[in-house]
Structure formats: structure tokens, C-alpha cells
Amino acid sequence: MSTLNLTLLTDLYELTMMQGYFKAGNNSMSVFDAFYRSNPSKGGYAIFAGLEQVIEYIENLHFDEEDVNYLRNLGIFDEDFLEYLAHFRFSGDIYALPEGTVMFPREPMVKVVAPIMEAQLIETALLNIINHQSLIATKAARVCHAAQGDGVMEFGLRRAQGPDAGVYGARAAMIGGCKGTSNVLAGQMFDVPVLGTHAHSWIMSFPDEYTAFKTYANLYPNACTLLVDTYDTLHSGVPNAIRVFSELRDAGIHPKSYGVRMDSGDLAYLSKEVRKMLDEAGFTDAVIAASNDLDEYLIESLKSQGATITSWGVGTNMITSKDCPSFGGVYKLAAIADKDGNLIPKIKKSENIEKVTNPGDKTVYRVYDKENNKVVADLITLADEVYDENEELVLFDPNAPWKKTKLAGGTYIMRELLIPVVKGGKAVYHSPKVMEIRDYCTKEKDTLWDGSKRFSFAQLPRVDLSQKLYDLKVQLLNEVHEVE
């Protein structure tokens, strides 16, 4: 992405609004928040991903001659504005959650502080990048949770909605917890493990199944996983696989990893029968891998049925997040400077309570129970608020402010989640490697209570407002009502 000019990856109205600001002489400093309103798949959390690509987009944001000429030919932009675009560079600040962070609805995952023309332009691309990768990272986290520590491999490239979705979806799936991907380009770009076995066509291209297995084992003796369901899993595939494994053992060859894979049939029943056959033959450490339209719900069900599968290949349902194919990230103005340079908080009123925005320049604190390091709540505050962990902290539900929780000083830990990633248009944050982000994400998921990880009736963690922010929100809503 760092080599691509994605400047025109935007909605037309971002540019028409920019020209409107330009003509009106309004390029005031502004604050925009990117957030989302509900978790994918009715879950209890989401995973933030895509930040590295957002930073690359910002650093490379410019209108080249071809871009300007294209806009000129649309016949809706004036020459003075086009001249401004020809010299455009982003000069603002961006704060964001670190990639792999567990996040909850309504809290800023990205905050943009920039002249309003600049902040407006980046809305579409920023949401496009973050919405997609956060969606797939969240889906992968759910699938990996269902696998209960078993390895999960992402191999959905052929079913992804285009090359970019396949590549960056694989990246996000790795962040969410997968152990590897079948996507070789993603492996090269992001330095993540690439994994794979063979297809049914390999078996069918040989005179018989045993010869196909034997040839494959001779080629790849240290990573030999054989697909056993081309003809008959229990009466042909597994016996032929055991024959090949026995020959390797007799030859003194001990593969680093080996086993069988099934892609059809009753996976719970078959896996238990396959486990018996492998164990009786002395291959107790052989992996049993499974694929075939898996998702977190089916994996959880197979686990509950006693399936002996220890490795899961998940494709279509993860790379497309099939049951929830979009992430509802939005980007809203929270404050804009007046003629004296003072930031004036702004609020969007709506008949739908969940669409009423939180005003002002804000940040987010995560509150942990000091004893077990589990998330107690997230607290959205004004950016200049300061807290002392040795003092009592009062939390309340902003939709029912009489519901209060008091945390005694010394019993909790507060962590500010938003960190600076771009200052004055320049990156100040170096993104970790994908596998490092994956490790961080694993630790993040460990801070969630089990109830938030459930697939049905997940417990939603609390997202509260500070007293100052709550009072400001009520004040602005009352002022809007008075104007009406």
C-alpha cells in the first residue's frame, strides 16, 4: 500500500465539501472521531486492525498531475481549488488504538485533529481500511476462541472479494489469532507463516491414492499432511495414510509435523474414528486437520460433540465474515475551532439514541481490576482530564446515570488507549510486525471476561462517560433543543 497513490480512493462528496470549505475560507482546526456502534455478529467485543495501512495512506497522500487533470475534467472544480490540491499534504495529528487492541462500541478508535479540509478528505479511505481489517480480525478472534487453543489456518484467498480483500484479510486474520495463511503474497508482504497441504486433484492425478500419498511424503517428509477424503475416508484414505506414515517410520524419518486432513463428511464422527485408527497404529502425535465451510459456531459444535480435530482450516466464512459482512465504523465531527482558535465541541442529535455523538476533544481510558487484570469498563473522557488511581473512581451508565459503581483507590488500573501515530503529518509510530501484533492481541483477549467471549448473549463490557463529558453532552443537547 505504501507504493500506491490512494488519494482518489474517496467519495466525491469529500472533495466537493473540501471545495466548499476552500471557497468559504474555512479551514479551521477540527476534531473527528472514528468509532462504531455495535459489535460484529452480536459479539461482546471487536479487534482494531488496519492502522499500519492508514499511516501509509496518510504519508503518501498527494494529488499528482493525473489526479488533478481527472478532477478538472469532471467540470465541477474550480482552478484555484485544483491548484490547492496540486500542493496538498496532510499536516494534522492522528491518535489511534494500537493494532490488535480489544475495543467496544461508541468509543473512538481513531481521533483526527487537523484542518477541516484535510480531516474531511481522509474519512472514506480511513474507514475503508479500518472497517475491513477490524471486521476480519474480529471474526478470526472468534474462530480462534472456538478452537480452544488448536491451530487455525486462514485459507480463504480464492473466496475473498478481490485480491486486496484476500491479502489484507489474511493480515487481519493473523492479527486475530490464526497461526498461518495459505496466501503466499500475504506471507511475503507481512512476514507471516504460510501453510498448506494438497488438493483432491493431486490424489486424482495419480493411478491410486497410495501412490499419491507416497509421492507427496517423499517430496515433503518434514511437513506431511495427507488429504484422506477423496474416495473413502475410513476404508481407503486413512489406511493408505497410515501405510505411508509407517514406511516413513521404518525408514527412520520422523516428520516435524504430519497427519491427515478431512474436507467432508460428519467431521465429529469421522475424527473420532480416525483418532482411534492412528493411535492403534502408533501415531498418537499425528495431527487431525479439518476444513469444509467451518466457522466459530460449527467449530464450537464439533468440540462439544467430542471431535478429535486439532487443526482447523477456515476459508470463506472467515475471509468474508460471511454472517456479518460489514463493520459499521463511522467518522463524526466532534469539535471545530472558532475564529480565536478555541475548540468548540459539536454534537449530532438523532431520534436514535445510539446515533447521538459524544462531543469534544476526547480520549479513552481502560479500567482494569488490579487483582485479575480483567476489564472493568472503558471510560471516555475529555482529553485534558487527569485521574489518580489512588483515589476513588465513580463510574456510571450514561444512559442510566443513577446506576453507579464505585472503585476504591488502589483497586484498579487505568490505561489511556489512544496513542499518537501521526504528528504534523509525519508518522511518529512504528508499527510492530504482524506476528508481534498477534501476540499483543492474544494478551488483549485475555483481559476479557468469559461472558464477553460468548457467541450467544455475549456480555457487553461497559463504556461509560466521565462526569465532565456527560455534563457537556447534556448541555449541548439542551442547547440544540432550545434552538429548535
Protein backbone atom coordinates (compact mmCIF):
# COMPACT_ATOMS: atom_id res chain seq x y z
CA MET A 1 0.00 0.00 0.00
CA SER A 2 2.93 2.33 0.68
CA THR A 3 3.69 2.35 -3.05
CA LEU A 4 0.12 3.11 -4.12
CA ASN A 5 -1.37 6.55 -4.56
CA LEU A 6 -4.79 6.09 -2.98
CA THR A 7 -5.60 9.80 -2.86
CA LEU A 8 -8.68 9.41 -5.07
CA LEU A 9 -9.89 6.44 -3.00
CA THR A 10 -12.59 8.68 -1.61
CA ASP A 11 -16.22 9.58 -2.05
CA LEU A 12 -16.91 12.52 -4.34
CA TYR A 13 -18.66 14.48 -1.61
CA GLU A 14 -15.45 14.63 0.42
CA LEU A 15 -13.92 16.64 -2.44
CA THR A 16 -16.99 18.79 -3.07
CA MET A 17 -17.11 19.62 0.65
CA MET A 18 -13.40 20.44 0.54
CA GLN A 19 -14.01 22.89 -2.27
CA GLY A 20 -16.89 24.36 -0.28
CA TYR A 21 -14.63 24.91 2.74
CA PHE A 22 -11.98 26.35 0.42
CA LYS A 23 -14.37 28.83 -1.21
CA ALA A 24 -15.75 29.86 2.16
CA GLY A 25 -12.27 30.42 3.55
CA ASN A 26 -12.97 27.89 6.28
CA ASN A 27 -10.10 25.58 7.09
CA SER A 28 -10.46 25.68 10.86
CA MET A 29 -8.80 23.12 13.08
CA SER A 30 -11.22 20.28 13.76
CA VAL A 31 -11.53 17.04 15.70
CA PHE A 32 -13.11 13.96 14.13
CA ASP A 33 -13.74 10.60 15.82
CA ALA A 34 -13.90 7.24 14.08
CA PHE A 35 -15.93 4.72 16.07
CA TYR A 36 -18.56 2.03 15.61
CA ARG A 37 -21.94 1.43 17.20
CA SER A 38 -22.32 -2.35 17.56
CA ASN A 39 -20.03 -5.38 17.64
CA PRO A 40 -19.93 -7.75 14.65
CA SER A 41 -22.02 -10.92 14.92
CA LYS A 42 -23.68 -9.62 18.11
CA GLY A 43 -20.47 -10.34 19.98
CA GLY A 44 -19.03 -8.74 23.08
CA TYR A 45 -16.01 -7.01 21.53
CA ALA A 46 -14.13 -6.19 18.34
CA ILE A 47 -10.44 -6.14 17.38
CA PHE A 48 -8.85 -2.98 15.97
CA ALA A 49 -6.80 -3.57 12.81
CA GLY A 50 -5.56 -1.71 9.73
CA LEU A 51 -3.58 1.06 11.42
CA GLU A 52 -0.33 0.39 9.55
CA GLN A 53 -2.11 0.82 6.22
CA VAL A 54 -3.81 4.01 7.42
CA ILE A 55 -0.43 5.51 8.29
CA GLU A 56 0.99 4.50 4.91
CA TYR A 57 -2.00 6.11 3.20
CA ILE A 58 -1.54 9.36 5.13
CA GLU A 59 2.19 9.56 4.41
CA ASN A 60 1.62 9.06 0.68
CA LEU A 61 -1.42 11.33 0.40
CA HIS A 62 -0.96 13.70 -2.54
CA PHE A 63 -2.65 14.68 -5.79
CA ASP A 64 -0.40 14.03 -8.76
CA GLU A 65 -0.87 15.65 -12.16
CA GLU A 66 -3.01 12.80 -13.43
CA ASP A 67 -5.32 13.10 -10.41
CA VAL A 68 -5.73 16.85 -10.85
CA ASN A 69 -6.42 16.52 -14.56
CA TYR A 70 -9.06 13.88 -13.89
CA LEU A 71 -10.81 16.13 -11.38
CA ARG A 72 -10.57 19.06 -13.79
CA ASN A 73 -12.32 17.01 -16.47
CA LEU A 74 -15.25 16.36 -14.15
CA GLY A 75 -16.17 20.01 -14.67
CA ILE A 76 -17.18 20.69 -11.04
CA PHE A 77 -13.95 22.01 -9.52
CA ASP A 78 -12.51 25.49 -10.00
CA GLU A 79 -8.90 26.14 -10.97
CA ASP A 80 -7.94 27.82 -7.71
CA PHE A 81 -9.10 24.78 -5.76
CA LEU A 82 -7.32 22.41 -8.16
CA GLU A 83 -4.14 24.43 -7.67
CA TYR A 84 -4.55 23.98 -3.92
CA LEU A 85 -4.91 20.22 -4.39
CA ALA A 86 -1.76 20.09 -6.53
CA HIS A 87 0.24 21.13 -3.46
CA PHE A 88 -1.82 19.28 -0.86
CA ARG A 89 -0.21 17.41 2.04
CA PHE A 90 -1.76 16.21 5.27
CA SER A 91 -0.48 18.30 8.18
CA GLY A 92 -2.63 17.14 11.08
CA ASP A 93 -2.36 14.77 14.03
CA ILE A 94 -3.85 11.30 14.36
CA TYR A 95 -4.35 9.30 17.55
CA ALA A 96 -5.39 5.66 17.46
CA LEU A 97 -5.67 2.43 19.37
CA PRO A 98 -2.65 0.16 18.87
CA GLU A 99 -3.46 -2.57 16.36
CA GLY A 100 -4.76 -5.72 17.97
CA THR A 101 -6.47 -3.81 20.78
CA VAL A 102 -9.81 -5.11 22.01
CA MET A 103 -12.38 -2.35 21.54
CA PHE A 104 -16.01 -1.68 22.28
CA PRO A 105 -18.84 0.31 20.67
CA ARG A 106 -19.10 4.11 20.76
CA GLU A 107 -15.53 4.78 21.84
CA PRO A 108 -13.04 6.49 19.49
CA MET A 109 -10.77 4.00 17.77
CA VAL A 110 -9.14 6.84 15.80
CA LYS A 111 -9.10 10.57 16.51
CA VAL A 112 -8.09 13.04 13.80
CA VAL A 113 -7.06 16.58 14.76
CA ALA A 114 -6.46 18.56 11.58
CA PRO A 115 -7.66 21.48 9.45
CA ILE A 116 -11.16 20.53 8.42
CA MET A 117 -10.36 20.25 4.69
CA GLU A 118 -7.67 17.67 5.45
CA ALA A 119 -9.72 15.82 8.06
CA GLN A 120 -12.68 15.63 5.67
CA LEU A 121 -10.66 14.21 2.78
CA ILE A 122 -9.30 11.20 4.67
CA GLU A 123 -12.65 9.98 6.02
CA THR A 124 -13.51 7.46 3.31
CA ALA A 125 -10.14 5.75 2.93
CA LEU A 126 -9.58 5.62 6.68
CA LEU A 127 -12.93 3.90 7.23
CA ASN A 128 -12.45 1.60 4.25
CA ILE A 129 -9.14 0.31 5.63
CA ILE A 130 -10.12 0.03 9.28
CA ASN A 131 -13.63 -1.33 8.74
CA HIS A 132 -12.39 -4.20 6.61
CA GLN A 133 -9.42 -5.31 8.66
CA SER A 134 -11.19 -4.85 12.00
CA LEU A 135 -14.06 -6.99 10.72
CA ILE A 136 -11.82 -9.88 9.67
CA ALA A 137 -9.60 -9.65 12.75
CA THR A 138 -12.71 -9.85 14.93
CA LYS A 139 -14.05 -12.84 13.02
CA ALA A 140 -10.68 -14.58 13.29
CA ALA A 141 -10.58 -13.92 17.04
CA ARG A 142 -13.99 -15.58 17.41
CA VAL A 143 -12.95 -18.58 15.32
CA CYS A 144 -9.73 -18.99 17.31
CA HIS A 145 -11.66 -18.76 20.56
CA ALA A 146 -13.93 -21.58 19.40
CA ALA A 147 -10.86 -23.69 18.54
CA GLN A 148 -9.80 -23.58 22.22
CA GLY A 149 -6.09 -23.38 21.59
CA ASP A 150 -5.97 -25.56 18.47
CA GLY A 151 -4.22 -24.07 15.48
CA VAL A 152 -6.37 -22.20 12.96
CA MET A 153 -5.16 -21.63 9.41
CA GLU A 154 -6.64 -18.92 7.18
CA PHE A 155 -7.08 -20.09 3.61
CA GLY A 156 -9.86 -18.01 2.10
CA LEU A 157 -7.99 -16.23 -0.68
CA ARG A 158 -9.94 -17.80 -3.54
CA ARG A 159 -13.23 -16.77 -1.93
CA ALA A 160 -12.25 -13.24 -0.87
CA GLN A 161 -13.85 -10.24 -2.57
CA GLY A 162 -10.83 -9.46 -4.71
CA PRO A 163 -7.04 -9.51 -4.28
CA ASP A 164 -6.84 -6.67 -1.74
CA ALA A 165 -9.51 -8.25 0.46
CA GLY A 166 -7.62 -11.53 0.28
CA VAL A 167 -4.23 -10.05 1.15
CA TYR A 168 -5.28 -7.61 3.85
CA GLY A 169 -7.90 -10.02 5.12
CA ALA A 170 -5.14 -12.57 5.66
CA ARG A 171 -3.15 -9.93 7.55
CA ALA A 172 -6.14 -9.19 9.77
CA ALA A 173 -6.84 -12.88 10.35
CA MET A 174 -3.29 -13.34 11.58
CA ILE A 175 -3.74 -10.44 13.99
CA GLY A 176 -6.95 -12.06 15.24
CA GLY A 177 -5.08 -15.24 16.18
CA CYS A 178 -4.52 -17.51 13.18
CA LYS A 179 -1.27 -19.49 13.12
CA GLY A 180 -0.73 -19.16 9.39
CA THR A 181 -2.23 -18.42 6.00
CA SER A 182 -2.30 -20.15 2.65
CA ASN A 183 -1.82 -16.74 0.98
CA VAL A 184 1.77 -16.64 -0.26
CA LEU A 185 1.69 -12.93 -1.16
CA ALA A 186 0.47 -12.10 2.33
CA GLY A 187 3.26 -14.25 3.72
CA GLN A 188 5.82 -12.30 1.71
CA MET A 189 4.38 -8.86 2.46
CA PHE A 190 3.81 -9.30 6.18
CA ASP A 191 6.37 -11.95 7.15
CA VAL A 192 3.79 -14.40 8.48
CA PRO A 193 3.81 -18.23 8.27
CA VAL A 194 2.42 -19.78 5.10
CA LEU A 195 0.85 -23.21 5.37
CA GLY A 196 -0.87 -25.72 3.12
CA THR A 197 -1.21 -29.34 2.05
CA HIS A 198 -2.58 -30.54 -1.27
CA ALA A 199 -5.87 -30.72 -3.12
CA HIS A 200 -8.07 -33.61 -4.19
CA SER A 201 -6.76 -33.07 -7.72
CA TRP A 202 -3.32 -34.22 -6.54
CA ILE A 203 -4.80 -37.55 -5.43
CA MET A 204 -6.91 -37.93 -8.55
CA SER A 205 -3.98 -37.26 -10.89
CA PHE A 206 -2.27 -40.49 -9.76
CA PRO A 207 -3.25 -44.07 -10.60
CA ASP A 208 -4.18 -44.70 -6.98
CA GLU A 209 -4.40 -42.96 -3.60
CA TYR A 210 -1.43 -44.72 -2.02
CA THR A 211 0.92 -43.64 -4.82
CA ALA A 212 -0.27 -40.05 -4.49
CA PHE A 213 0.37 -40.10 -0.73
CA LYS A 214 3.73 -41.80 -1.10
CA THR A 215 4.92 -39.31 -3.72
CA TYR A 216 3.84 -36.37 -1.58
CA ALA A 217 5.53 -37.79 1.52
CA ASN A 218 8.78 -38.30 -0.41
CA LEU A 219 8.67 -34.68 -1.51
CA TYR A 220 7.75 -33.18 1.86
CA PRO A 221 8.74 -35.62 4.61
CA ASN A 222 9.01 -32.94 7.32
CA ALA A 223 5.53 -31.49 6.76
CA CYS A 224 3.32 -34.30 5.58
CA THR A 225 -0.43 -33.77 5.99
CA LEU A 226 -2.45 -36.02 3.70
CA LEU A 227 -5.99 -35.32 2.45
CA VAL A 228 -7.87 -38.54 3.16
CA ASP A 229 -11.43 -37.99 1.92
CA THR A 230 -11.03 -38.12 -1.87
CA TYR A 231 -12.55 -41.59 -2.10
CA ASP A 232 -13.40 -43.11 1.29
CA THR A 233 -12.02 -41.61 4.48
CA LEU A 234 -12.12 -44.63 6.79
CA HIS A 235 -11.71 -47.50 4.31
CA SER A 236 -9.19 -46.00 1.93
CA GLY A 237 -7.78 -42.62 2.89
CA VAL A 238 -6.71 -43.24 6.47
CA PRO A 239 -5.39 -46.79 5.87
CA ASN A 240 -3.26 -45.50 2.97
CA ALA A 241 -2.02 -42.59 5.08
CA ILE A 242 -1.07 -44.97 7.91
CA ARG A 243 0.77 -47.16 5.39
CA VAL A 244 2.82 -44.17 4.22
CA PHE A 245 3.50 -42.96 7.79
CA SER A 246 4.64 -46.50 8.71
CA GLU A 247 7.04 -46.56 5.77
CA LEU A 248 8.49 -43.20 6.85
CA ARG A 249 8.92 -44.53 10.38
CA ASP A 250 10.57 -47.70 9.16
CA ALA A 251 12.98 -45.59 7.10
CA GLY A 252 13.92 -43.61 10.22
CA ILE A 253 12.16 -40.48 9.04
CA HIS A 254 10.35 -38.56 11.77
CA PRO A 255 8.40 -35.62 10.31
CA LYS A 256 8.29 -32.38 12.30
CA SER A 257 4.58 -32.30 11.60
CA TYR A 258 2.36 -34.89 9.99
CA GLY A 259 -1.22 -36.04 9.97
CA VAL A 260 -4.40 -36.15 7.95
CA ARG A 261 -6.94 -33.64 6.74
CA MET A 262 -10.66 -34.13 6.12
CA ASP A 263 -12.76 -31.82 3.97
CA SER A 264 -16.16 -33.53 4.00
CA GLY A 265 -18.48 -35.80 5.90
CA ASP A 266 -19.51 -35.95 9.53
CA LEU A 267 -16.38 -34.42 10.98
CA ALA A 268 -17.23 -35.22 14.60
CA TYR A 269 -17.81 -38.94 13.95
CA LEU A 270 -15.02 -39.31 11.42
CA SER A 271 -12.40 -37.55 13.55
CA LYS A 272 -13.08 -39.86 16.48
CA GLU A 273 -12.75 -42.93 14.27
CA VAL A 274 -9.62 -41.56 12.61
CA ARG A 275 -8.07 -40.87 16.02
CA LYS A 276 -8.61 -44.50 17.04
CA MET A 277 -7.02 -45.77 13.83
CA LEU A 278 -3.99 -43.50 14.09
CA ASP A 279 -3.46 -44.27 17.78
CA GLU A 280 -3.74 -48.02 17.25
CA ALA A 281 -1.06 -47.73 14.56
CA GLY A 282 1.22 -45.88 16.98
CA PHE A 283 0.76 -42.39 15.52
CA THR A 284 -0.59 -40.73 18.63
CA ASP A 285 1.02 -37.40 17.76
CA ALA A 286 -0.44 -37.24 14.26
CA VAL A 287 -2.50 -34.11 13.61
CA ILE A 288 -6.11 -34.38 12.53
CA ALA A 289 -6.98 -31.31 10.48
CA ALA A 290 -10.39 -30.36 9.17
CA SER A 291 -11.86 -27.90 6.72
CA ASN A 292 -15.21 -27.58 4.88
CA ASP A 293 -17.12 -24.33 5.43
CA LEU A 294 -16.08 -24.00 9.06
CA ASP A 295 -16.86 -21.03 11.28
CA GLU A 296 -16.85 -20.39 15.03
CA TYR A 297 -20.33 -21.88 15.50
CA LEU A 298 -19.56 -25.15 13.73
CA ILE A 299 -16.18 -25.49 15.44
CA GLU A 300 -17.81 -24.93 18.83
CA SER A 301 -20.44 -27.54 17.98
CA LEU A 302 -17.85 -30.08 16.83
CA LYS A 303 -15.87 -29.52 20.01
CA SER A 304 -18.98 -30.13 22.11
CA GLN A 305 -19.52 -33.42 20.24
CA GLY A 306 -16.07 -34.65 21.22
CA ALA A 307 -14.42 -34.19 17.84
CA THR A 308 -10.71 -35.03 17.99
CA ILE A 309 -9.70 -32.42 15.43
CA THR A 310 -6.60 -30.48 16.46
CA SER A 311 -6.10 -28.16 13.48
CA TRP A 312 -8.73 -26.12 11.66
CA GLY A 313 -8.62 -24.68 8.16
CA VAL A 314 -11.10 -21.84 7.79
CA GLY A 315 -11.71 -20.11 4.49
CA THR A 316 -14.84 -18.47 3.12
CA ASN A 317 -16.64 -17.80 6.38
CA MET A 318 -13.64 -16.03 7.89
CA ILE A 319 -12.16 -14.09 4.96
CA THR A 320 -15.62 -12.69 4.14
CA SER A 321 -17.04 -12.69 7.69
CA LYS A 322 -19.96 -14.31 5.96
CA ASP A 323 -22.57 -13.95 8.70
CA CYS A 324 -21.68 -10.27 9.27
CA PRO A 325 -20.08 -8.94 6.08
CA SER A 326 -19.56 -5.32 7.13
CA PHE A 327 -18.16 -3.36 10.04
CA GLY A 328 -20.13 -0.25 10.92
CA GLY A 329 -17.35 2.23 11.56
CA VAL A 330 -18.37 5.89 11.21
CA TYR A 331 -16.49 9.21 11.27
CA LYS A 332 -18.06 12.20 13.00
CA LEU A 333 -17.10 15.80 13.74
CA ALA A 334 -16.60 16.30 17.49
CA ALA A 335 -15.18 19.84 17.67
CA ILE A 336 -14.13 22.76 15.47
CA ALA A 337 -12.11 25.86 16.26
CA ASP A 338 -13.68 29.31 16.35
CA LYS A 339 -12.02 32.44 14.93
CA ASP A 340 -9.89 32.73 18.06
CA GLY A 341 -8.63 29.18 17.74
CA ASN A 342 -10.69 27.76 20.62
CA LEU A 343 -12.11 24.29 20.01
CA ILE A 344 -15.90 24.39 20.19
CA PRO A 345 -17.47 20.98 20.93
CA LYS A 346 -20.08 19.73 18.46
CA ILE A 347 -22.79 17.11 18.80
CA LYS A 348 -25.02 15.24 16.38
CA LYS A 349 -28.56 14.81 17.66
CA SER A 350 -30.70 11.91 16.48
CA GLU A 351 -34.03 10.25 17.21
CA ASN A 352 -31.96 7.07 17.66
CA ILE A 353 -30.13 7.26 20.99
CA GLU A 354 -27.18 5.22 19.71
CA LYS A 355 -26.61 7.78 16.95
CA VAL A 356 -26.20 10.74 19.29
CA THR A 357 -22.48 11.53 19.25
CA ASN A 358 -20.14 12.34 22.12
CA PRO A 359 -18.83 15.91 21.74
CA GLY A 360 -15.43 17.49 22.20
CA ASP A 361 -11.77 16.55 22.10
CA LYS A 362 -11.71 13.19 23.89
CA THR A 363 -9.60 10.23 24.88
CA VAL A 364 -10.36 6.75 26.22
CA TYR A 365 -9.16 5.05 29.40
CA ARG A 366 -9.47 1.34 30.02
CA VAL A 367 -10.12 0.48 33.64
CA TYR A 368 -8.80 -2.88 34.83
CA ASP A 369 -9.38 -4.78 38.05
CA LYS A 370 -5.95 -4.65 39.68
CA GLU A 371 -6.24 -8.15 41.11
CA ASN A 372 -7.07 -10.11 37.96
CA ASN A 373 -6.28 -7.63 35.13
CA LYS A 374 -9.77 -8.02 33.66
CA VAL A 375 -11.58 -5.12 32.02
CA VAL A 376 -13.98 -3.36 34.37
CA ALA A 377 -15.06 -0.67 31.91
CA ASP A 378 -13.86 1.79 29.31
CA LEU A 379 -14.16 5.44 30.25
CA ILE A 380 -14.47 8.11 27.56
CA THR A 381 -13.23 11.44 28.91
CA LEU A 382 -12.32 14.89 27.71
CA ALA A 383 -8.69 14.93 26.58
CA ASP A 384 -7.48 17.19 29.38
CA GLU A 385 -8.95 15.19 32.27
CA VAL A 386 -6.49 13.68 34.75
CA TYR A 387 -7.06 10.73 37.07
CA ASP A 388 -5.31 9.39 40.16
CA GLU A 389 -5.52 5.61 40.63
CA ASN A 390 -5.11 6.10 44.37
CA GLU A 391 -8.40 7.95 44.56
CA GLU A 392 -11.93 6.56 44.39
CA LEU A 393 -13.28 6.26 40.84
CA VAL A 394 -17.02 6.57 40.26
CA LEU A 395 -18.38 5.04 37.06
CA PHE A 396 -21.95 5.42 35.85
CA ASP A 397 -24.08 4.30 32.93
CA PRO A 398 -24.57 7.35 30.66
CA ASN A 399 -27.98 6.02 29.63
CA ALA A 400 -28.98 5.47 33.26
CA PRO A 401 -26.74 7.82 35.26
CA TRP A 402 -28.25 6.75 38.58
CA LYS A 403 -26.55 3.34 38.12
CA LYS A 404 -23.16 3.94 39.73
CA THR A 405 -20.15 1.78 40.51
CA LYS A 406 -17.51 2.94 42.97
CA LEU A 407 -13.96 1.61 42.73
CA ALA A 408 -11.81 2.17 45.79
CA GLY A 409 -8.45 3.80 45.27
CA GLY A 410 -5.67 1.28 44.71
CA THR A 411 -8.00 -1.46 43.44
CA TYR A 412 -7.95 -0.54 39.78
CA ILE A 413 -5.54 0.38 36.97
CA MET A 414 -6.23 2.94 34.23
CA ARG A 415 -4.61 2.84 30.80
CA GLU A 416 -5.06 5.51 28.15
CA LEU A 417 -5.83 3.70 24.90
CA LEU A 418 -5.37 6.36 22.21
CA ILE A 419 -1.74 6.93 21.30
CA PRO A 420 -0.23 9.46 18.84
CA VAL A 421 0.56 7.83 15.48
CA VAL A 422 0.86 10.90 13.20
CA LYS A 423 2.02 14.35 14.30
CA GLY A 424 2.17 17.27 11.91
CA GLY A 425 1.53 14.92 9.00
CA LYS A 426 4.51 12.68 9.85
CA ALA A 427 4.35 9.18 11.30
CA VAL A 428 5.58 9.01 14.89
CA TYR A 429 4.53 5.41 15.44
CA HIS A 430 6.40 2.40 14.10
CA SER A 431 4.02 -0.48 13.54
CA PRO A 432 5.15 -3.81 15.02
CA LYS A 433 5.39 -6.91 12.85
CA VAL A 434 2.12 -8.74 12.30
CA MET A 435 3.14 -11.66 14.49
CA GLU A 436 4.00 -9.23 17.29
CA ILE A 437 0.59 -7.60 16.89
CA ARG A 438 -0.92 -11.09 17.06
CA ASP A 439 0.83 -11.76 20.37
CA TYR A 440 -0.38 -8.42 21.74
CA CYS A 441 -3.93 -9.21 20.59
CA THR A 442 -3.79 -12.55 22.40
CA LYS A 443 -2.94 -10.73 25.64
CA GLU A 444 -5.71 -8.23 24.98
CA LYS A 445 -8.29 -11.01 24.59
CA ASP A 446 -7.13 -12.49 27.90
CA THR A 447 -8.31 -9.29 29.66
CA LEU A 448 -11.92 -10.02 28.66
CA TRP A 449 -14.31 -11.84 30.95
CA ASP A 450 -15.59 -15.15 29.61
CA GLY A 451 -19.08 -13.70 29.23
CA SER A 452 -17.83 -11.22 26.64
CA LYS A 453 -16.44 -14.06 24.53
CA ARG A 454 -19.69 -15.99 24.27
CA PHE A 455 -21.24 -16.33 20.82
CA SER A 456 -24.80 -16.13 22.15
CA PHE A 457 -25.99 -13.41 24.51
CA ALA A 458 -22.49 -12.03 24.94
CA GLN A 459 -21.97 -9.74 27.91
CA LEU A 460 -21.24 -6.26 26.61
CA PRO A 461 -18.43 -4.51 28.52
CA ARG A 462 -19.29 -1.11 29.92
CA VAL A 463 -18.41 2.04 28.01
CA ASP A 464 -19.01 4.99 30.32
CA LEU A 465 -18.58 8.75 30.09
CA SER A 466 -16.74 10.91 32.57
CA GLN A 467 -18.88 13.30 34.58
CA LYS A 468 -17.43 16.29 32.68
CA LEU A 469 -18.12 14.74 29.28
CA TYR A 470 -21.60 13.65 30.32
CA ASP A 471 -22.42 17.15 31.56
CA LEU A 472 -21.11 18.68 28.32
CA LYS A 473 -23.21 16.27 26.26
CA VAL A 474 -26.38 17.10 28.21
CA GLN A 475 -25.65 20.82 27.92
CA LEU A 476 -25.24 20.66 24.16
CA LEU A 477 -28.34 18.54 23.70
CA ASN A 478 -30.34 21.08 25.74
CA GLU A 479 -28.94 23.92 23.65
CA VAL A 480 -29.89 22.15 20.42
CA HIS A 481 -33.40 21.61 21.81
CA GLU A 482 -33.71 25.30 22.70
CA VAL A 483 -32.71 26.32 19.17
CA GLU A 484 -35.37 24.03 17.74
